[in-house]
């Protein structure tokens, strides 16, 4: 997939990491820890979107959560690869 939901309120030039998940998702808890570490190190914005509150997101992503996006582009699903996430952030900064 080359695109996905855009970050809410994104500012041009800003890098935003978005995690799509749902309450009670163990893999989401693990992914959140990795993402939180990376966004803190990289100084970028992090947001979470609950697929149970958005029918379109639920229909598209329910089998893949957690899904990690950088500026709306899907980077990972199920598990977050820290190196791949850092590379995606670096790419969006150029």
C-alpha atoms as a PDB file:
ATOM      1  CA  UNK A   1       0.000   0.000   0.000  1.00  0.00           C
ATOM      2  CA  UNK A   2       1.366   3.416  -0.876  1.00  0.00           C
ATOM      3  CA  UNK A   3      -0.987   5.644   1.044  1.00  0.00           C
ATOM      4  CA  UNK A   4      -3.311   5.781   3.969  1.00  0.00           C
ATOM      5  CA  UNK A   5      -5.129   8.143   6.236  1.00  0.00           C
ATOM      6  CA  UNK A   6      -3.494  11.520   6.438  1.00  0.00           C
ATOM      7  CA  UNK A   7      -2.399  12.830   9.798  1.00  0.00           C
ATOM      8  CA  UNK A   8      -5.004  15.048  11.420  1.00  0.00           C
ATOM      9  CA  UNK A   9      -3.897  18.665  11.355  1.00  0.00           C
ATOM     10  CA  UNK A  10      -0.558  17.932   9.682  1.00  0.00           C
ATOM     11  CA  UNK A  11       1.563  20.977   8.932  1.00  0.00           C
ATOM     12  CA  UNK A  12       3.502  21.083   5.633  1.00  0.00           C
ATOM     13  CA  UNK A  13       7.007  19.761   6.242  1.00  0.00           C
ATOM     14  CA  UNK A  14       6.012  18.134   9.540  1.00  0.00           C
ATOM     15  CA  UNK A  15       6.625  14.418  10.074  1.00  0.00           C
ATOM     16  CA  UNK A  16       3.775  12.604  11.809  1.00  0.00           C
ATOM     17  CA  UNK A  17       3.804   8.950  12.836  1.00  0.00           C
ATOM     18  CA  UNK A  18       0.311   7.489  13.123  1.00  0.00           C
ATOM     19  CA  UNK A  19      -0.613   4.168  14.683  1.00  0.00           C
ATOM     20  CA  UNK A  20      -3.927   2.612  13.744  1.00  0.00           C
ATOM     21  CA  UNK A  21      -5.140   0.238  16.424  1.00  0.00           C
ATOM     22  CA  UNK A  22      -7.932  -0.542  18.830  1.00  0.00           C
ATOM     23  CA  UNK A  23      -8.433  -0.890  22.580  1.00  0.00           C
ATOM     24  CA  UNK A  24      -7.377  -4.213  24.092  1.00  0.00           C
ATOM     25  CA  UNK A  25      -4.900  -5.010  21.314  1.00  0.00           C
ATOM     26  CA  UNK A  26      -1.713  -6.517  22.796  1.00  0.00           C
ATOM     27  CA  UNK A  27       0.269  -5.982  19.587  1.00  0.00           C
ATOM     28  CA  UNK A  28      -0.816  -2.320  19.676  1.00  0.00           C
ATOM     29  CA  UNK A  29       0.632  -1.981  23.185  1.00  0.00           C
ATOM     30  CA  UNK A  30       3.968  -3.398  22.006  1.00  0.00           C
ATOM     31  CA  UNK A  31       3.979  -1.229  18.864  1.00  0.00           C
ATOM     32  CA  UNK A  32       3.172   1.894  20.909  1.00  0.00           C
ATOM     33  CA  UNK A  33       6.298   1.349  23.039  1.00  0.00           C
ATOM     34  CA  UNK A  34       8.554   1.115  19.965  1.00  0.00           C
ATOM     35  CA  UNK A  35       6.904   4.088  18.258  1.00  0.00           C
ATOM     36  CA  UNK A  36       7.073   6.221  21.422  1.00  0.00           C
ATOM     37  CA  UNK A  37      10.803   5.577  21.709  1.00  0.00           C
ATOM     38  CA  UNK A  38      11.442   6.415  18.045  1.00  0.00           C
ATOM     39  CA  UNK A  39       9.335   9.594  17.955  1.00  0.00           C
ATOM     40  CA  UNK A  40      11.011  10.831  21.154  1.00  0.00           C
ATOM     41  CA  UNK A  41      14.452  10.230  19.644  1.00  0.00           C
ATOM     42  CA  UNK A  42      13.502  11.747  16.289  1.00  0.00           C
ATOM     43  CA  UNK A  43      11.481  14.688  17.626  1.00  0.00           C
ATOM     44  CA  UNK A  44       8.414  14.023  15.486  1.00  0.00           C
ATOM     45  CA  UNK A  45       4.699  13.998  16.281  1.00  0.00           C
ATOM     46  CA  UNK A  46       2.833  10.811  17.221  1.00  0.00           C
ATOM     47  CA  UNK A  47      -0.894  10.216  17.000  1.00  0.00           C
ATOM     48  CA  UNK A  48      -3.126   7.197  17.437  1.00  0.00           C
ATOM     49  CA  UNK A  49      -6.351   6.436  15.614  1.00  0.00           C
ATOM     50  CA  UNK A  50      -8.869   3.910  16.922  1.00  0.00           C
ATOM     51  CA  UNK A  51     -10.254   1.856  14.032  1.00  0.00           C
ATOM     52  CA  UNK A  52     -13.368   1.008  16.068  1.00  0.00           C
ATOM     53  CA  UNK A  53     -14.389   4.674  15.808  1.00  0.00           C
ATOM     54  CA  UNK A  54     -14.029   4.922  12.022  1.00  0.00           C
ATOM     55  CA  UNK A  55     -15.882   2.524   9.724  1.00  0.00           C
ATOM     56  CA  UNK A  56     -13.598   3.137   6.736  1.00  0.00           C
ATOM     57  CA  UNK A  57     -10.414   2.523   8.755  1.00  0.00           C
ATOM     58  CA  UNK A  58     -11.952  -0.583  10.311  1.00  0.00           C
ATOM     59  CA  UNK A  59     -12.952  -1.989   6.935  1.00  0.00           C
ATOM     60  CA  UNK A  60      -9.496  -1.429   5.451  1.00  0.00           C
ATOM     61  CA  UNK A  61      -7.178  -2.264   8.348  1.00  0.00           C
ATOM     62  CA  UNK A  62      -8.933  -4.565  10.864  1.00  0.00           C
ATOM     63  CA  UNK A  63      -6.835  -7.603   9.907  1.00  0.00           C
ATOM     64  CA  UNK A  64      -3.541  -5.692   9.977  1.00  0.00           C
ATOM     65  CA  UNK A  65      -3.511  -3.745  13.256  1.00  0.00           C
ATOM     66  CA  UNK A  66      -1.471  -2.236  14.537  1.00  0.00           C
ATOM     67  CA  UNK A  67      -0.634  -0.336  11.375  1.00  0.00           C
ATOM     68  CA  UNK A  68       2.134   2.271  11.399  1.00  0.00           C
ATOM     69  CA  UNK A  69       2.064   5.182   8.967  1.00  0.00           C
ATOM     70  CA  UNK A  70       4.449   8.070   8.409  1.00  0.00           C
ATOM     71  CA  UNK A  71       2.711  11.083   6.906  1.00  0.00           C
ATOM     72  CA  UNK A  72      -0.094   8.811   5.748  1.00  0.00           C
ATOM     73  CA  UNK A  73       2.150   6.219   4.067  1.00  0.00           C
ATOM     74  CA  UNK A  74       2.016   2.707   5.514  1.00  0.00           C
ATOM     75  CA  UNK A  75       5.362   1.557   6.907  1.00  0.00           C
ATOM     76  CA  UNK A  76       4.458  -1.564   8.920  1.00  0.00           C
ATOM     77  CA  UNK A  77       1.631  -3.695  10.228  1.00  0.00           C
ATOM     78  CA  UNK A  78       1.366  -6.209  13.091  1.00  0.00           C
ATOM     79  CA  UNK A  79       4.886  -5.426  14.336  1.00  0.00           C
ATOM     80  CA  UNK A  80       6.956  -2.250  14.140  1.00  0.00           C
ATOM     81  CA  UNK A  81      10.427  -2.552  12.674  1.00  0.00           C
ATOM     82  CA  UNK A  82      12.345   0.232  14.414  1.00  0.00           C
ATOM     83  CA  UNK A  83      14.975   0.611  11.681  1.00  0.00           C
ATOM     84  CA  UNK A  84      12.322   0.785   8.947  1.00  0.00           C
ATOM     85  CA  UNK A  85      10.357   3.388  10.939  1.00  0.00           C
ATOM     86  CA  UNK A  86      13.460   5.537  11.433  1.00  0.00           C
ATOM     87  CA  UNK A  87      14.271   5.280   7.707  1.00  0.00           C
ATOM     88  CA  UNK A  88      10.727   6.319   6.768  1.00  0.00           C
ATOM     89  CA  UNK A  89      10.955   9.344   9.070  1.00  0.00           C
ATOM     90  CA  UNK A  90      14.332  10.312   7.583  1.00  0.00           C
ATOM     91  CA  UNK A  91      12.917   9.989   4.059  1.00  0.00           C
ATOM     92  CA  UNK A  92      10.035  12.370   4.860  1.00  0.00           C
ATOM     93  CA  UNK A  93      12.472  14.954   6.213  1.00  0.00           C
ATOM     94  CA  UNK A  94      14.318  15.275   2.903  1.00  0.00           C
END
